[in-house]
Amino acid sequence: MPLEDFFNSIDKEAQFEVWKSSTKQKLFNLYHSIPNIDSNAEYTAFVLGTIKILEKGIENKEDFIQRLKKCNSFYKKFGDI
């Protein structure tokens, strides 16, 4: 069974958990890729805040989407990681 077929065969809650886990891992990778210097403290705090929202539960989907877009801009700023 191709991976896509498997993913489509599981329920929506399980799909969300897979997405959540994958996104959390990518955010941790981003966090660890940002150089640890004072001028980057705002970036690392933002990424950690995004991870915390993901862990506690997304209350405002649109705001969270905007946070993910901002995190994506950090990927662009700090290199393709």
C-alpha atoms as a PDB file:
ATOM      1  CA  MET A   1       0.000   0.000   0.000  1.00  0.00           C
ATOM      2  CA  PRO A   2       1.511   3.349  -0.986  1.00  0.00           C
ATOM      3  CA  LEU A   3       2.100   5.781   1.880  1.00  0.00           C
ATOM      4  CA  GLU A   4      -0.509   8.211   0.523  1.00  0.00           C
ATOM      5  CA  ASP A   5      -3.152   5.467   0.505  1.00  0.00           C
ATOM      6  CA  PHE A   6      -2.256   4.556   4.065  1.00  0.00           C
ATOM      7  CA  PHE A   7      -2.470   8.188   5.185  1.00  0.00           C
ATOM      8  CA  ASN A   8      -5.849   8.584   3.491  1.00  0.00           C
ATOM      9  CA  SER A   9      -7.140   5.412   5.134  1.00  0.00           C
ATOM     10  CA  ILE A  10      -6.666   6.648   8.715  1.00  0.00           C
ATOM     11  CA  ASP A  11      -9.218   8.876  10.411  1.00  0.00           C
ATOM     12  CA  LYS A  12      -8.977  12.671  10.490  1.00  0.00           C
ATOM     13  CA  GLU A  13      -7.844  12.773  14.127  1.00  0.00           C
ATOM     14  CA  ALA A  14      -4.951  10.431  13.375  1.00  0.00           C
ATOM     15  CA  GLN A  15      -4.044  12.495  10.302  1.00  0.00           C
ATOM     16  CA  PHE A  16      -3.982  15.623  12.462  1.00  0.00           C
ATOM     17  CA  GLU A  17      -1.719  13.899  15.019  1.00  0.00           C
ATOM     18  CA  VAL A  18       0.686  12.869  12.241  1.00  0.00           C
ATOM     19  CA  TRP A  19       0.720  16.449  10.897  1.00  0.00           C
ATOM     20  CA  LYS A  20       1.154  17.847  14.404  1.00  0.00           C
ATOM     21  CA  SER A  21       4.083  15.549  15.164  1.00  0.00           C
ATOM     22  CA  SER A  22       5.770  16.307  11.849  1.00  0.00           C
ATOM     23  CA  THR A  23       5.281  20.061  12.232  1.00  0.00           C
ATOM     24  CA  LYS A  24       6.582  20.000  15.793  1.00  0.00           C
ATOM     25  CA  GLN A  25       9.726  18.181  14.655  1.00  0.00           C
ATOM     26  CA  LYS A  26      10.298  20.708  11.872  1.00  0.00           C
ATOM     27  CA  LEU A  27       9.897  23.578  14.337  1.00  0.00           C
ATOM     28  CA  PHE A  28      12.418  21.962  16.709  1.00  0.00           C
ATOM     29  CA  ASN A  29      14.837  21.587  13.789  1.00  0.00           C
ATOM     30  CA  LEU A  30      14.334  25.252  12.937  1.00  0.00           C
ATOM     31  CA  TYR A  31      14.863  26.274  16.564  1.00  0.00           C
ATOM     32  CA  HIS A  32      18.158  24.383  16.714  1.00  0.00           C
ATOM     33  CA  SER A  33      19.279  25.818  13.376  1.00  0.00           C
ATOM     34  CA  ILE A  34      18.984  29.455  14.421  1.00  0.00           C
ATOM     35  CA  PRO A  35      22.407  30.671  15.573  1.00  0.00           C
ATOM     36  CA  ASN A  36      22.422  31.103  19.355  1.00  0.00           C
ATOM     37  CA  ILE A  37      23.285  34.785  19.605  1.00  0.00           C
ATOM     38  CA  ASP A  38      21.481  37.614  21.378  1.00  0.00           C
ATOM     39  CA  SER A  39      20.283  39.220  18.157  1.00  0.00           C
ATOM     40  CA  ASN A  40      18.356  36.031  17.321  1.00  0.00           C
ATOM     41  CA  ALA A  41      16.556  35.745  20.666  1.00  0.00           C
ATOM     42  CA  GLU A  42      13.323  37.098  19.160  1.00  0.00           C
ATOM     43  CA  TYR A  43      13.350  34.397  16.477  1.00  0.00           C
ATOM     44  CA  THR A  44      13.986  31.539  18.886  1.00  0.00           C
ATOM     45  CA  ALA A  45      11.330  32.817  21.305  1.00  0.00           C
ATOM     46  CA  PHE A  46       8.803  33.012  18.464  1.00  0.00           C
ATOM     47  CA  VAL A  47       9.542  29.456  17.335  1.00  0.00           C
ATOM     48  CA  LEU A  48       9.300  28.145  20.908  1.00  0.00           C
ATOM     49  CA  GLY A  49       6.005  30.005  21.330  1.00  0.00           C
ATOM     50  CA  THR A  50       4.690  28.365  18.177  1.00  0.00           C
ATOM     51  CA  ILE A  51       5.698  24.936  19.489  1.00  0.00           C
ATOM     52  CA  LYS A  52       3.906  25.634  22.779  1.00  0.00           C
ATOM     53  CA  ILE A  53       0.713  26.629  20.954  1.00  0.00           C
ATOM     54  CA  LEU A  54       0.913  23.424  18.931  1.00  0.00           C
ATOM     55  CA  GLU A  55       1.388  21.340  22.088  1.00  0.00           C
ATOM     56  CA  LYS A  56      -1.424  23.010  24.067  1.00  0.00           C
ATOM     57  CA  GLY A  57      -3.897  23.141  21.207  1.00  0.00           C
ATOM     58  CA  ILE A  58      -4.542  25.529  18.356  1.00  0.00           C
ATOM     59  CA  GLU A  59      -7.308  27.886  19.422  1.00  0.00           C
ATOM     60  CA  ASN A  60      -7.159  30.296  16.490  1.00  0.00           C
ATOM     61  CA  LYS A  61      -6.411  28.552  13.208  1.00  0.00           C
ATOM     62  CA  GLU A  62      -5.783  31.738  11.201  1.00  0.00           C
ATOM     63  CA  ASP A  63      -3.331  33.122  13.762  1.00  0.00           C
ATOM     64  CA  PHE A  64      -1.514  29.801  13.838  1.00  0.00           C
ATOM     65  CA  ILE A  65      -1.271  29.759  10.040  1.00  0.00           C
ATOM     66  CA  GLN A  66       0.302  33.221  10.185  1.00  0.00           C
ATOM     67  CA  ARG A  67       2.781  31.978  12.816  1.00  0.00           C
ATOM     68  CA  LEU A  68       3.740  29.068  10.554  1.00  0.00           C
ATOM     69  CA  LYS A  69       4.248  31.454   7.645  1.00  0.00           C
ATOM     70  CA  LYS A  70       6.510  33.602   9.815  1.00  0.00           C
ATOM     71  CA  CYS A  71       8.446  30.518  10.908  1.00  0.00           C
ATOM     72  CA  ASN A  72       8.809  29.610   7.243  1.00  0.00           C
ATOM     73  CA  SER A  73      10.401  33.020   6.652  1.00  0.00           C
ATOM     74  CA  PHE A  74      12.946  32.103   9.351  1.00  0.00           C
ATOM     75  CA  TYR A  75      13.842  29.006   7.316  1.00  0.00           C
ATOM     76  CA  LYS A  76      14.530  31.322   4.401  1.00  0.00           C
ATOM     77  CA  LYS A  77      16.532  33.738   6.581  1.00  0.00           C
ATOM     78  CA  PHE A  78      18.738  31.105   8.198  1.00  0.00           C
ATOM     79  CA  GLY A  79      19.209  28.880   5.185  1.00  0.00           C
ATOM     80  CA  ASP A  80      17.475  25.862   3.761  1.00  0.00           C
ATOM     81  CA  ILE A  81      17.444  23.494   6.707  1.00  0.00           C
END
